[in-house]
Amino acid sequence: MAFLTDRKRAEGLGSAQSGTEHFWAMKKSSIALLILIPFFVFTFGNVLGSSYEDVLAYYSRPFPAIVAALTLLVGFKHFNDGFQVLIEDYVHGLAGKIIILGMTCVSYGAAAVGVFAIAKMAL
């Protein structure tokens, strides 16, 4: 490694070998949320304050249910990736790995519960 030039060292992906992929994943999910959040606000705003039966009837239609489910899934994935970056920067060693694993389980579990609730309303 000592015989590599600075240019050869700079051409790699970094010590973790995945920094660029993680960066682009965050960019893609943020652009997806930029599109999904206004759709979600407008679809959710139509039923805000309505009765339970009206909400069930509204979310039994495919477009509002799909928008809500996609917003939940992409939002929790984006949250998990951002939280992972935060922990990798400030917590090191085994504690960081445990916190990342725990938050990954929590965020995917919350996304699954949300999608299940939307599917239950839609079906």
PDB file of N, CA and C in Angstrom:
ATOM      1  N   MET A   1       0.821  -1.191   0.000  1.00  0.00           N
ATOM      2  CA  MET A   1       0.000   0.000   0.000  1.00  0.00           C
ATOM      3  C   MET A   1       0.860   1.248   0.000  1.00  0.00           C
ATOM      4  N   ALA A   2       2.046   1.178   0.542  1.00  0.00           N
ATOM      5  CA  ALA A   2       2.910   2.349   0.626  1.00  0.00           C
ATOM      6  C   ALA A   2       3.401   2.782  -0.746  1.00  0.00           C
ATOM      7  N   PHE A   3       3.368   1.905  -1.738  1.00  0.00           N
ATOM      8  CA  PHE A   3       3.880   2.232  -3.061  1.00  0.00           C
ATOM      9  C   PHE A   3       2.815   2.830  -3.981  1.00  0.00           C
ATOM     10  N   LEU A   4       1.568   2.958  -3.505  1.00  0.00           N
ATOM     11  CA  LEU A   4       0.520   3.546  -4.328  1.00  0.00           C
ATOM     12  C   LEU A   4       0.647   5.063  -4.343  1.00  0.00           C
ATOM     13  N   THR A   5       0.349   5.640  -5.487  1.00  0.00           N
ATOM     14  CA  THR A   5       0.346   7.097  -5.575  1.00  0.00           C
ATOM     15  C   THR A   5      -0.943   7.637  -4.972  1.00  0.00           C
ATOM     16  N   ASP A   6      -0.971   8.939  -4.731  1.00  0.00           N
ATOM     17  CA  ASP A   6      -2.186   9.550  -4.184  1.00  0.00           C
ATOM     18  C   ASP A   6      -3.364   9.377  -5.120  1.00  0.00           C
ATOM     19  N   ARG A   7      -3.112   9.437  -6.410  1.00  0.00           N
ATOM     20  CA  ARG A   7      -4.201   9.264  -7.381  1.00  0.00           C
ATOM     21  C   ARG A   7      -4.781   7.853  -7.297  1.00  0.00           C
ATOM     22  N   LYS A   8      -3.926   6.854  -7.183  1.00  0.00           N
ATOM     23  CA  LYS A   8      -4.410   5.472  -7.091  1.00  0.00           C
ATOM     24  C   LYS A   8      -5.219   5.255  -5.811  1.00  0.00           C
ATOM     25  N   ARG A   9      -4.819   5.881  -4.728  1.00  0.00           N
ATOM     26  CA  ARG A   9      -5.583   5.765  -3.479  1.00  0.00           C
ATOM     27  C   ARG A   9      -6.926   6.463  -3.598  1.00  0.00           C
ATOM     28  N   ALA A  10      -6.985   7.578  -4.320  1.00  0.00           N
ATOM     29  CA  ALA A  10      -8.216   8.356  -4.446  1.00  0.00           C
ATOM     30  C   ALA A  10      -9.236   7.695  -5.354  1.00  0.00           C
ATOM     31  N   GLU A  11      -8.815   6.797  -6.216  1.00  0.00           N
ATOM     32  CA  GLU A  11      -9.743   6.163  -7.139  1.00  0.00           C
ATOM     33  C   GLU A  11     -10.585   5.081  -6.476  1.00  0.00           C
ATOM     34  N   GLY A  12     -10.233   4.639  -5.288  1.00  0.00           N
ATOM     35  CA  GLY A  12     -11.003   3.612  -4.593  1.00  0.00           C
ATOM     36  C   GLY A  12     -12.304   4.176  -4.048  1.00  0.00           C
ATOM     37  N   LEU A  13     -13.099   3.320  -3.492  1.00  0.00           N
ATOM     38  CA  LEU A  13     -14.386   3.730  -2.944  1.00  0.00           C
ATOM     39  C   LEU A  13     -14.296   4.141  -1.489  1.00  0.00           C
ATOM     40  N   GLY A  14     -13.143   4.104  -0.896  1.00  0.00           N
ATOM     41  CA  GLY A  14     -13.013   4.413   0.515  1.00  0.00           C
ATOM     42  C   GLY A  14     -12.767   3.161   1.323  1.00  0.00           C
ATOM     43  N   SER A  15     -12.632   3.319   2.617  1.00  0.00           N
ATOM     44  CA  SER A  15     -12.275   2.181   3.460  1.00  0.00           C
ATOM     45  C   SER A  15     -13.405   1.168   3.566  1.00  0.00           C
ATOM     46  N   ALA A  16     -14.636   1.611   3.498  1.00  0.00           N
ATOM     47  CA  ALA A  16     -15.755   0.683   3.610  1.00  0.00           C
ATOM     48  C   ALA A  16     -16.152   0.093   2.263  1.00  0.00           C
ATOM     49  N   GLN A  17     -15.640   0.648   1.170  1.00  0.00           N
ATOM     50  CA  GLN A  17     -15.917   0.181  -0.186  1.00  0.00           C
ATOM     51  C   GLN A  17     -17.377   0.341  -0.595  1.00  0.00           C
ATOM     52  N   SER A  18     -18.152   1.182   0.098  1.00  0.00           N
ATOM     53  CA  SER A  18     -19.554   1.346  -0.280  1.00  0.00           C
ATOM     54  C   SER A  18     -20.056   2.766  -0.055  1.00  0.00           C
ATOM     55  N   GLY A  19     -19.183   3.724   0.133  1.00  0.00           N
ATOM     56  CA  GLY A  19     -19.616   5.081   0.427  1.00  0.00           C
ATOM     57  C   GLY A  19     -20.393   5.717  -0.703  1.00  0.00           C
ATOM     58  N   THR A  20     -19.967   5.493  -1.938  1.00  0.00           N
ATOM     59  CA  THR A  20     -20.649   6.085  -3.079  1.00  0.00           C
ATOM     60  C   THR A  20     -22.042   5.495  -3.251  1.00  0.00           C
ATOM     61  N   GLU A  21     -22.172   4.198  -3.085  1.00  0.00           N
ATOM     62  CA  GLU A  21     -23.481   3.551  -3.222  1.00  0.00           C
ATOM     63  C   GLU A  21     -24.454   4.049  -2.159  1.00  0.00           C
ATOM     64  N   HIS A  22     -23.970   4.214  -0.938  1.00  0.00           N
ATOM     65  CA  HIS A  22     -24.828   4.707   0.138  1.00  0.00           C
ATOM     66  C   HIS A  22     -25.266   6.143  -0.140  1.00  0.00           C
ATOM     67  N   PHE A  23     -24.350   6.968  -0.644  1.00  0.00           N
ATOM     68  CA  PHE A  23     -24.662   8.347  -0.987  1.00  0.00           C
ATOM     69  C   PHE A  23     -25.752   8.411  -2.046  1.00  0.00           C
ATOM     70  N   TRP A  24     -25.619   7.604  -3.100  1.00  0.00           N
ATOM     71  CA  TRP A  24     -26.618   7.638  -4.160  1.00  0.00           C
ATOM     72  C   TRP A  24     -27.952   7.049  -3.698  1.00  0.00           C
ATOM     73  N   ALA A  25     -27.926   6.085  -2.814  1.00  0.00           N
ATOM     74  CA  ALA A  25     -29.183   5.550  -2.268  1.00  0.00           C
ATOM     75  C   ALA A  25     -29.931   6.625  -1.491  1.00  0.00           C
ATOM     76  N   MET A  26     -29.192   7.421  -0.722  1.00  0.00           N
ATOM     77  CA  MET A  26     -29.829   8.522   0.021  1.00  0.00           C
ATOM     78  C   MET A  26     -30.372   9.572  -0.938  1.00  0.00           C
ATOM     79  N   LYS A  27     -29.646   9.879  -1.997  1.00  0.00           N
ATOM     80  CA  LYS A  27     -30.112  10.861  -2.984  1.00  0.00           C
ATOM     81  C   LYS A  27     -31.371  10.374  -3.683  1.00  0.00           C
ATOM     82  N   LYS A  28     -31.394   9.099  -4.071  1.00  0.00           N
ATOM     83  CA  LYS A  28     -32.567   8.560  -4.762  1.00  0.00           C
ATOM     84  C   LYS A  28     -33.784   8.548  -3.855  1.00  0.00           C
ATOM     85  N   SER A  29     -33.603   8.155  -2.596  1.00  0.00           N
ATOM     86  CA  SER A  29     -34.755   8.126  -1.692  1.00  0.00           C
ATOM     87  C   SER A  29     -35.232   9.529  -1.353  1.00  0.00           C
ATOM     88  N   SER A  30     -34.331  10.511  -1.298  1.00  0.00           N
ATOM     89  CA  SER A  30     -34.773  11.875  -1.016  1.00  0.00           C
ATOM     90  C   SER A  30     -35.542  12.455  -2.201  1.00  0.00           C
ATOM     91  N   ILE A  31     -35.149  12.123  -3.420  1.00  0.00           N
ATOM     92  CA  ILE A  31     -35.898  12.585  -4.592  1.00  0.00           C
ATOM     93  C   ILE A  31     -37.259  11.896  -4.649  1.00  0.00           C
ATOM     94  N   ALA A  32     -37.301  10.619  -4.311  1.00  0.00           N
ATOM     95  CA  ALA A  32     -38.583   9.911  -4.273  1.00  0.00           C
ATOM     96  C   ALA A  32     -39.508  10.526  -3.231  1.00  0.00           C
ATOM     97  N   LEU A  33     -38.955  10.876  -2.068  1.00  0.00           N
ATOM     98  CA  LEU A  33     -39.777  11.519  -1.037  1.00  0.00           C
ATOM     99  C   LEU A  33     -40.214  12.911  -1.454  1.00  0.00           C
ATOM    100  N   LEU A  34     -39.394  13.600  -2.214  1.00  0.00           N
ATOM    101  CA  LEU A  34     -39.754  14.915  -2.720  1.00  0.00           C
ATOM    102  C   LEU A  34     -40.994  14.838  -3.606  1.00  0.00           C
ATOM    103  N   ILE A  35     -41.161  13.744  -4.300  1.00  0.00           N
ATOM    104  CA  ILE A  35     -42.342  13.537  -5.143  1.00  0.00           C
ATOM    105  C   ILE A  35     -43.496  12.960  -4.336  1.00  0.00           C
ATOM    106  N   LEU A  36     -43.212  12.009  -3.438  1.00  0.00           N
ATOM    107  CA  LEU A  36     -44.270  11.299  -2.715  1.00  0.00           C
ATOM    108  C   LEU A  36     -44.939  12.132  -1.629  1.00  0.00           C
ATOM    109  N   ILE A  37     -44.190  12.970  -0.923  1.00  0.00           N
ATOM    110  CA  ILE A  37     -44.756  13.716   0.207  1.00  0.00           C
ATOM    111  C   ILE A  37     -45.900  14.636  -0.226  1.00  0.00           C
ATOM    112  N   PRO A  38     -45.778  15.420  -1.313  1.00  0.00           N
ATOM    113  CA  PRO A  38     -46.941  16.224  -1.716  1.00  0.00           C
ATOM    114  C   PRO A  38     -48.155  15.376  -2.092  1.00  0.00           C
ATOM    115  N   PHE A  39     -47.924  14.253  -2.791  1.00  0.00           N
ATOM    116  CA  PHE A  39     -49.041  13.355  -3.095  1.00  0.00           C
ATOM    117  C   PHE A  39     -49.694  12.854  -1.810  1.00  0.00           C
ATOM    118  N   PHE A  40     -48.874  12.472  -0.838  1.00  0.00           N
ATOM    119  CA  PHE A  40     -49.418  11.972   0.420  1.00  0.00           C
ATOM    120  C   PHE A  40     -50.195  13.050   1.160  1.00  0.00           C
ATOM    121  N   VAL A  41     -49.673  14.265   1.179  1.00  0.00           N
ATOM    122  CA  VAL A  41     -50.357  15.357   1.876  1.00  0.00           C
ATOM    123  C   VAL A  41     -51.712  15.626   1.235  1.00  0.00           C
ATOM    124  N   PHE A  42     -51.761  15.651  -0.092  1.00  0.00           N
ATOM    125  CA  PHE A  42     -53.034  15.924  -0.759  1.00  0.00           C
ATOM    126  C   PHE A  42     -54.011  14.766  -0.629  1.00  0.00           C
ATOM    127  N   THR A  43     -53.528  13.516  -0.668  1.00  0.00           N
ATOM    128  CA  THR A  43     -54.456  12.393  -0.519  1.00  0.00           C
ATOM    129  C   THR A  43     -54.914  12.248   0.925  1.00  0.00           C
ATOM    130  N   PHE A  44     -54.017  12.465   1.875  1.00  0.00           N
ATOM    131  CA  PHE A  44     -54.404  12.351   3.286  1.00  0.00           C
ATOM    132  C   PHE A  44     -55.263  13.527   3.717  1.00  0.00           C
ATOM    133  N   GLY A  45     -55.007  14.693   3.139  1.00  0.00           N
ATOM    134  CA  GLY A  45     -55.777  15.880   3.502  1.00  0.00           C
ATOM    135  C   GLY A  45     -57.240  15.786   3.125  1.00  0.00           C
ATOM    136  N   ASN A  46     -57.556  14.989   2.118  1.00  0.00           N
ATOM    137  CA  ASN A  46     -58.958  14.831   1.706  1.00  0.00           C
ATOM    138  C   ASN A  46     -59.798  14.132   2.760  1.00  0.00           C
ATOM    139  N   VAL A  47     -59.204  13.275   3.553  1.00  0.00           N
ATOM    140  CA  VAL A  47     -59.980  12.515   4.534  1.00  0.00           C
ATOM    141  C   VAL A  47     -59.725  12.959   5.967  1.00  0.00           C
ATOM    142  N   LEU A  48     -58.919  13.977   6.131  1.00  0.00           N
ATOM    143  CA  LEU A  48     -58.612  14.465   7.477  1.00  0.00           C
ATOM    144  C   LEU A  48     -59.879  15.013   8.117  1.00  0.00           C
ATOM    145  N   GLY A  49     -60.261  14.472   9.250  1.00  0.00           N
ATOM    146  CA  GLY A  49     -61.456  14.893   9.955  1.00  0.00           C
ATOM    147  C   GLY A  49     -62.710  14.152   9.528  1.00  0.00           C
ATOM    148  N   SER A  50     -62.590  13.208   8.611  1.00  0.00           N
ATOM    149  CA  SER A  50     -63.753  12.433   8.158  1.00  0.00           C
ATOM    150  C   SER A  50     -64.058  11.312   9.135  1.00  0.00           C
ATOM    151  N   SER A  51     -65.182  10.696   8.941  1.00  0.00           N
ATOM    152  CA  SER A  51     -65.557   9.579   9.799  1.00  0.00           C
ATOM    153  C   SER A  51     -64.741   8.338   9.431  1.00  0.00           C
ATOM    154  N   TYR A  52     -64.780   7.354  10.307  1.00  0.00           N
ATOM    155  CA  TYR A  52     -64.011   6.124  10.108  1.00  0.00           C
ATOM    156  C   TYR A  52     -64.440   5.414   8.831  1.00  0.00           C
ATOM    157  N   GLU A  53     -65.731   5.376   8.571  1.00  0.00           N
ATOM    158  CA  GLU A  53     -66.234   4.706   7.377  1.00  0.00           C
ATOM    159  C   GLU A  53     -65.782   5.413   6.107  1.00  0.00           C
ATOM    160  N   ASP A  54     -65.753   6.754   6.146  1.00  0.00           N
ATOM    161  CA  ASP A  54     -65.282   7.502   4.979  1.00  0.00           C
ATOM    162  C   ASP A  54     -63.797   7.255   4.714  1.00  0.00           C
ATOM    163  N   VAL A  55     -63.016   7.162   5.782  1.00  0.00           N
ATOM    164  CA  VAL A  55     -61.582   6.886   5.621  1.00  0.00           C
ATOM    165  C   VAL A  55     -61.373   5.491   5.044  1.00  0.00           C
ATOM    166  N   LEU A  56     -62.123   4.512   5.532  1.00  0.00           N
ATOM    167  CA  LEU A  56     -62.019   3.155   4.990  1.00  0.00           C
ATOM    168  C   LEU A  56     -62.411   3.119   3.519  1.00  0.00           C
ATOM    169  N   ALA A  57     -63.473   3.822   3.166  1.00  0.00           N
ATOM    170  CA  ALA A  57     -63.906   3.847   1.771  1.00  0.00           C
ATOM    171  C   ALA A  57     -62.869   4.554   0.894  1.00  0.00           C
ATOM    172  N   TYR A  58     -62.262   5.609   1.418  1.00  0.00           N
ATOM    173  CA  TYR A  58     -61.271   6.353   0.642  1.00  0.00           C
ATOM    174  C   TYR A  58     -60.013   5.522   0.412  1.00  0.00           C
ATOM    175  N   TYR A  59     -59.519   4.870   1.449  1.00  0.00           N
ATOM    176  CA  TYR A  59     -58.293   4.083   1.307  1.00  0.00           C
ATOM    177  C   TYR A  59     -58.537   2.704   0.694  1.00  0.00           C
ATOM    178  N   SER A  60     -59.774   2.369   0.390  1.00  0.00           N
ATOM    179  CA  SER A  60     -60.020   1.136  -0.354  1.00  0.00           C
ATOM    180  C   SER A  60     -59.781   1.361  -1.846  1.00  0.00           C
ATOM    181  N   ARG A  61     -59.642   2.625  -2.255  1.00  0.00           N
ATOM    182  CA  ARG A  61     -59.271   2.928  -3.633  1.00  0.00           C
ATOM    183  C   ARG A  61     -57.765   2.732  -3.782  1.00  0.00           C
ATOM    184  N   PRO A  62     -57.295   2.317  -4.955  1.00  0.00           N
ATOM    185  CA  PRO A  62     -55.877   1.960  -5.087  1.00  0.00           C
ATOM    186  C   PRO A  62     -54.905   3.142  -4.981  1.00  0.00           C
ATOM    187  N   PHE A  63     -55.201   4.282  -5.584  1.00  0.00           N
ATOM    188  CA  PHE A  63     -54.219   5.368  -5.625  1.00  0.00           C
ATOM    189  C   PHE A  63     -53.851   5.886  -4.235  1.00  0.00           C
ATOM    190  N   PRO A  64     -54.817   6.235  -3.367  1.00  0.00           N
ATOM    191  CA  PRO A  64     -54.411   6.711  -2.042  1.00  0.00           C
ATOM    192  C   PRO A  64     -53.679   5.652  -1.220  1.00  0.00           C
ATOM    193  N   ALA A  65     -54.082   4.400  -1.348  1.00  0.00           N
ATOM    194  CA  ALA A  65     -53.426   3.335  -0.587  1.00  0.00           C
ATOM    195  C   ALA A  65     -51.993   3.121  -1.065  1.00  0.00           C
ATOM    196  N   ILE A  66     -51.777   3.155  -2.366  1.00  0.00           N
ATOM    197  CA  ILE A  66     -50.430   2.960  -2.908  1.00  0.00           C
ATOM    198  C   ILE A  66     -49.532   4.132  -2.535  1.00  0.00           C
ATOM    199  N   VAL A  67     -50.055   5.358  -2.621  1.00  0.00           N
ATOM    200  CA  VAL A  67     -49.260   6.534  -2.263  1.00  0.00           C
ATOM    201  C   VAL A  67     -48.867   6.486  -0.792  1.00  0.00           C
ATOM    202  N   ALA A  68     -49.804   6.135   0.070  1.00  0.00           N
ATOM    203  CA  ALA A  68     -49.512   6.061   1.502  1.00  0.00           C
ATOM    204  C   ALA A  68     -48.491   4.961   1.796  1.00  0.00           C
ATOM    205  N   ALA A  69     -48.627   3.799   1.172  1.00  0.00           N
ATOM    206  CA  ALA A  69     -47.700   2.694   1.408  1.00  0.00           C
ATOM    207  C   ALA A  69     -46.297   3.029   0.892  1.00  0.00           C
ATOM    208  N   LEU A  70     -46.211   3.609  -0.296  1.00  0.00           N
ATOM    209  CA  LEU A  70     -44.904   3.988  -0.828  1.00  0.00           C
ATOM    210  C   LEU A  70     -44.239   5.055   0.023  1.00  0.00           C
ATOM    211  N   THR A  71     -45.021   6.008   0.511  1.00  0.00           N
ATOM    212  CA  THR A  71     -44.460   7.055   1.362  1.00  0.00           C
ATOM    213  C   THR A  71     -43.912   6.453   2.652  1.00  0.00           C
ATOM    214  N   LEU A  72     -44.642   5.528   3.233  1.00  0.00           N
ATOM    215  CA  LEU A  72     -44.154   4.863   4.444  1.00  0.00           C
ATOM    216  C   LEU A  72     -42.871   4.077   4.189  1.00  0.00           C
ATOM    217  N   LEU A  73     -42.865   3.284   3.142  1.00  0.00           N
ATOM    218  CA  LEU A  73     -41.701   2.442   2.861  1.00  0.00           C
ATOM    219  C   LEU A  73     -40.457   3.269   2.545  1.00  0.00           C
ATOM    220  N   VAL A  74     -40.592   4.230   1.651  1.00  0.00           N
ATOM    221  CA  VAL A  74     -39.433   5.039   1.265  1.00  0.00           C
ATOM    222  C   VAL A  74     -39.006   5.930   2.433  1.00  0.00           C
ATOM    223  N   GLY A  75     -39.972   6.439   3.183  1.00  0.00           N
ATOM    224  CA  GLY A  75     -39.642   7.297   4.320  1.00  0.00           C
ATOM    225  C   GLY A  75     -38.872   6.563   5.405  1.00  0.00           C
ATOM    226  N   PHE A  76     -39.293   5.375   5.751  1.00  0.00           N
ATOM    227  CA  PHE A  76     -38.578   4.613   6.777  1.00  0.00           C
ATOM    228  C   PHE A  76     -37.222   4.119   6.275  1.00  0.00           C
ATOM    229  N   LYS A  77     -37.106   3.799   4.989  1.00  0.00           N
ATOM    230  CA  LYS A  77     -35.811   3.402   4.440  1.00  0.00           C
ATOM    231  C   LYS A  77     -34.853   4.593   4.476  1.00  0.00           C
ATOM    232  N   HIS A  78     -35.331   5.772   4.107  1.00  0.00           N
ATOM    233  CA  HIS A  78     -34.509   6.975   4.137  1.00  0.00           C
ATOM    234  C   HIS A  78     -34.098   7.314   5.578  1.00  0.00           C
ATOM    235  N   PHE A  79     -35.044   7.171   6.498  1.00  0.00           N
ATOM    236  CA  PHE A  79     -34.736   7.398   7.912  1.00  0.00           C
ATOM    237  C   PHE A  79     -33.658   6.443   8.401  1.00  0.00           C
ATOM    238  N   ASN A  80     -33.782   5.178   8.042  1.00  0.00           N
ATOM    239  CA  ASN A  80     -32.818   4.176   8.488  1.00  0.00           C
ATOM    240  C   ASN A  80     -31.430   4.464   7.926  1.00  0.00           C
ATOM    241  N   ASP A  81     -31.347   4.830   6.659  1.00  0.00           N
ATOM    242  CA  ASP A  81     -30.039   5.138   6.057  1.00  0.00           C
ATOM    243  C   ASP A  81     -29.411   6.372   6.708  1.00  0.00           C
ATOM    244  N   GLY A  82     -30.212   7.387   6.955  1.00  0.00           N
ATOM    245  CA  GLY A  82     -29.697   8.592   7.597  1.00  0.00           C
ATOM    246  C   GLY A  82     -29.244   8.345   9.022  1.00  0.00           C
ATOM    247  N   PHE A  83     -30.010   7.558   9.750  1.00  0.00           N
ATOM    248  CA  PHE A  83     -29.640   7.221  11.124  1.00  0.00           C
ATOM    249  C   PHE A  83     -28.355   6.400  11.148  1.00  0.00           C
ATOM    250  N   GLN A  84     -28.196   5.518  10.174  1.00  0.00           N
ATOM    251  CA  GLN A  84     -26.981   4.714  10.097  1.00  0.00           C
ATOM    252  C   GLN A  84     -25.759   5.599   9.880  1.00  0.00           C
ATOM    253  N   VAL A  85     -25.876   6.595   9.023  1.00  0.00           N
ATOM    254  CA  VAL A  85     -24.760   7.518   8.798  1.00  0.00           C
ATOM    255  C   VAL A  85     -24.434   8.271  10.084  1.00  0.00           C
ATOM    256  N   LEU A  86     -25.458   8.709  10.792  1.00  0.00           N
ATOM    257  CA  LEU A  86     -25.261   9.428  12.042  1.00  0.00           C
ATOM    258  C   LEU A  86     -24.507   8.574  13.059  1.00  0.00           C
ATOM    259  N   ILE A  87     -24.922   7.335  13.227  1.00  0.00           N
ATOM    260  CA  ILE A  87     -24.284   6.449  14.199  1.00  0.00           C
ATOM    261  C   ILE A  87     -22.860   6.100  13.758  1.00  0.00           C
ATOM    262  N   GLU A  88     -22.660   5.853  12.463  1.00  0.00           N
ATOM    263  CA  GLU A  88     -21.311   5.538  11.988  1.00  0.00           C
ATOM    264  C   GLU A  88     -20.350   6.690  12.229  1.00  0.00           C
ATOM    265  N   ASP A  89     -20.847   7.919  12.184  1.00  0.00           N
ATOM    266  CA  ASP A  89     -19.977   9.071  12.392  1.00  0.00           C
ATOM    267  C   ASP A  89     -19.634   9.288  13.863  1.00  0.00           C
ATOM    268  N   TYR A  90     -20.541   8.983  14.774  1.00  0.00           N
ATOM    269  CA  TYR A  90     -20.351   9.382  16.167  1.00  0.00           C
ATOM    270  C   TYR A  90     -20.202   8.243  17.175  1.00  0.00           C
ATOM    271  N   VAL A  91     -20.590   7.015  16.827  1.00  0.00           N
ATOM    272  CA  VAL A  91     -20.477   5.891  17.759  1.00  0.00           C
ATOM    273  C   VAL A  91     -19.623   4.825  17.079  1.00  0.00           C
ATOM    274  N   HIS A  92     -18.610   4.353  17.780  1.00  0.00           N
ATOM    275  CA  HIS A  92     -17.679   3.401  17.188  1.00  0.00           C
ATOM    276  C   HIS A  92     -17.691   2.091  17.961  1.00  0.00           C
ATOM    277  N   GLY A  93     -17.238   1.045  17.289  1.00  0.00           N
ATOM    278  CA  GLY A  93     -17.105  -0.251  17.933  1.00  0.00           C
ATOM    279  C   GLY A  93     -18.398  -1.035  17.944  1.00  0.00           C
ATOM    280  N   LEU A  94     -18.480  -1.939  18.904  1.00  0.00           N
ATOM    281  CA  LEU A  94     -19.623  -2.841  19.014  1.00  0.00           C
ATOM    282  C   LEU A  94     -20.916  -2.094  19.328  1.00  0.00           C
ATOM    283  N   ALA A  95     -20.833  -1.044  20.119  1.00  0.00           N
ATOM    284  CA  ALA A  95     -22.040  -0.289  20.467  1.00  0.00           C
ATOM    285  C   ALA A  95     -22.691   0.302  19.223  1.00  0.00           C
ATOM    286  N   GLY A  96     -21.888   0.813  18.306  1.00  0.00           N
ATOM    287  CA  GLY A  96     -22.431   1.370  17.072  1.00  0.00           C
ATOM    288  C   GLY A  96     -23.130   0.326  16.227  1.00  0.00           C
ATOM    289  N   LYS A  97     -22.526  -0.861  16.151  1.00  0.00           N
ATOM    290  CA  LYS A  97     -23.137  -1.940  15.368  1.00  0.00           C
ATOM    291  C   LYS A  97     -24.455  -2.388  15.988  1.00  0.00           C
ATOM    292  N   ILE A  98     -24.511  -2.462  17.306  1.00  0.00           N
ATOM    293  CA  ILE A  98     -25.742  -2.877  17.984  1.00  0.00           C
ATOM    294  C   ILE A  98     -26.838  -1.838  17.794  1.00  0.00           C
ATOM    295  N   ILE A  99     -26.481  -0.560  17.903  1.00  0.00           N
ATOM    296  CA  ILE A  99     -27.476   0.503  17.723  1.00  0.00           C
ATOM    297  C   ILE A  99     -28.007   0.503  16.296  1.00  0.00           C
ATOM    298  N   ILE A 100     -27.129   0.330  15.313  1.00  0.00           N
ATOM    299  CA  ILE A 100     -27.566   0.289  13.915  1.00  0.00           C
ATOM    300  C   ILE A 100     -28.481  -0.897  13.671  1.00  0.00           C
ATOM    301  N   LEU A 101     -28.132  -2.049  14.210  1.00  0.00           N
ATOM    302  CA  LEU A 101     -28.967  -3.240  14.053  1.00  0.00           C
ATOM    303  C   LEU A 101     -30.333  -3.043  14.702  1.00  0.00           C
ATOM    304  N   GLY A 102     -30.337  -2.478  15.901  1.00  0.00           N
ATOM    305  CA  GLY A 102     -31.604  -2.236  16.590  1.00  0.00           C
ATOM    306  C   GLY A 102     -32.486  -1.248  15.848  1.00  0.00           C
ATOM    307  N   MET A 103     -31.900  -0.151  15.366  1.00  0.00           N
ATOM    308  CA  MET A 103     -32.705   0.826  14.659  1.00  0.00           C
ATOM    309  C   MET A 103     -33.181   0.304  13.312  1.00  0.00           C
ATOM    310  N   THR A 104     -32.409  -0.541  12.676  1.00  0.00           N
ATOM    311  CA  THR A 104     -32.855  -1.161  11.434  1.00  0.00           C
ATOM    312  C   THR A 104     -34.071  -2.035  11.688  1.00  0.00           C
ATOM    313  N   CYS A 105     -34.041  -2.804  12.763  1.00  0.00           N
ATOM    314  CA  CYS A 105     -35.192  -3.639  13.112  1.00  0.00           C
ATOM    315  C   CYS A 105     -36.416  -2.786  13.435  1.00  0.00           C
ATOM    316  N   VAL A 106     -36.212  -1.704  14.173  1.00  0.00           N
ATOM    317  CA  VAL A 106     -37.328  -0.830  14.542  1.00  0.00           C
ATOM    318  C   VAL A 106     -37.920  -0.152  13.311  1.00  0.00           C
ATOM    319  N   SER A 107     -37.070   0.374  12.432  1.00  0.00           N
ATOM    320  CA  SER A 107     -37.602   1.107  11.273  1.00  0.00           C
ATOM    321  C   SER A 107     -38.296   0.167  10.284  1.00  0.00           C
ATOM    322  N   TYR A 108     -37.718  -0.997  10.025  1.00  0.00           N
ATOM    323  CA  TYR A 108     -38.394  -1.938   9.130  1.00  0.00           C
ATOM    324  C   TYR A 108     -39.660  -2.501   9.773  1.00  0.00           C
ATOM    325  N   GLY A 109     -39.637  -2.704  11.071  1.00  0.00           N
ATOM    326  CA  GLY A 109     -40.845  -3.166  11.762  1.00  0.00           C
ATOM    327  C   GLY A 109     -41.959  -2.131  11.705  1.00  0.00           C
ATOM    328  N   ALA A 110     -41.614  -0.853  11.908  1.00  0.00           N
ATOM    329  CA  ALA A 110     -42.624   0.208  11.832  1.00  0.00           C
ATOM    330  C   ALA A 110     -43.170   0.335  10.417  1.00  0.00           C
ATOM    331  N   ALA A 111     -42.313   0.196   9.416  1.00  0.00           N
ATOM    332  CA  ALA A 111     -42.775   0.245   8.029  1.00  0.00           C
ATOM    333  C   ALA A 111     -43.718  -0.927   7.735  1.00  0.00           C
ATOM    334  N   ALA A 112     -43.384  -2.098   8.243  1.00  0.00           N
ATOM    335  CA  ALA A 112     -44.241  -3.273   8.022  1.00  0.00           C
ATOM    336  C   ALA A 112     -45.594  -3.101   8.697  1.00  0.00           C
ATOM    337  N   VAL A 113     -45.611  -2.561   9.903  1.00  0.00           N
ATOM    338  CA  VAL A 113     -46.884  -2.326  10.601  1.00  0.00           C
ATOM    339  C   VAL A 113     -47.721  -1.300   9.842  1.00  0.00           C
ATOM    340  N   GLY A 114     -47.086  -0.246   9.348  1.00  0.00           N
ATOM    341  CA  GLY A 114     -47.809   0.776   8.586  1.00  0.00           C
ATOM    342  C   GLY A 114     -48.398   0.233   7.304  1.00  0.00           C
ATOM    343  N   VAL A 115     -47.611  -0.543   6.560  1.00  0.00           N
ATOM    344  CA  VAL A 115     -48.102  -1.121   5.320  1.00  0.00           C
ATOM    345  C   VAL A 115     -49.206  -2.139   5.602  1.00  0.00           C
ATOM    346  N   PHE A 116     -49.074  -2.902   6.681  1.00  0.00           N
ATOM    347  CA  PHE A 116     -50.129  -3.835   7.056  1.00  0.00           C
ATOM    348  C   PHE A 116     -51.425  -3.100   7.363  1.00  0.00           C
ATOM    349  N   ALA A 117     -51.322  -1.983   8.076  1.00  0.00           N
ATOM    350  CA  ALA A 117     -52.521  -1.215   8.410  1.00  0.00           C
ATOM    351  C   ALA A 117     -53.176  -0.653   7.154  1.00  0.00           C
ATOM    352  N   ILE A 118     -52.385  -0.181   6.231  1.00  0.00           N
ATOM    353  CA  ILE A 118     -52.951   0.345   4.982  1.00  0.00           C
ATOM    354  C   ILE A 118     -53.572  -0.786   4.159  1.00  0.00           C
ATOM    355  N   ALA A 119     -52.897  -1.939   4.117  1.00  0.00           N
ATOM    356  CA  ALA A 119     -53.449  -3.074   3.388  1.00  0.00           C
ATOM    357  C   ALA A 119     -54.748  -3.551   4.017  1.00  0.00           C
ATOM    358  N   LYS A 120     -54.815  -3.510   5.336  1.00  0.00           N
ATOM    359  CA  LYS A 120     -56.049  -3.931   6.022  1.00  0.00           C
ATOM    360  C   LYS A 120     -57.205  -2.983   5.694  1.00  0.00           C
ATOM    361  N   MET A 121     -56.900  -1.680   5.614  1.00  0.00           N
ATOM    362  CA  MET A 121     -57.938  -0.717   5.241  1.00  0.00           C
ATOM    363  C   MET A 121     -58.326  -0.874   3.783  1.00  0.00           C
ATOM    364  N   ALA A 122     -57.342  -1.164   2.925  1.00  0.00           N
ATOM    365  CA  ALA A 122     -57.604  -1.236   1.489  1.00  0.00           C
ATOM    366  C   ALA A 122     -58.355  -2.503   1.083  1.00  0.00           C
ATOM    367  N   LEU A 123     -58.188  -3.562   1.847  1.00  0.00           N
ATOM    368  CA  LEU A 123     -58.820  -4.832   1.455  1.00  0.00           C
ATOM    369  C   LEU A 123     -60.072  -5.114   2.202  1.00  0.00           C
TER     370      LEU A 123
END
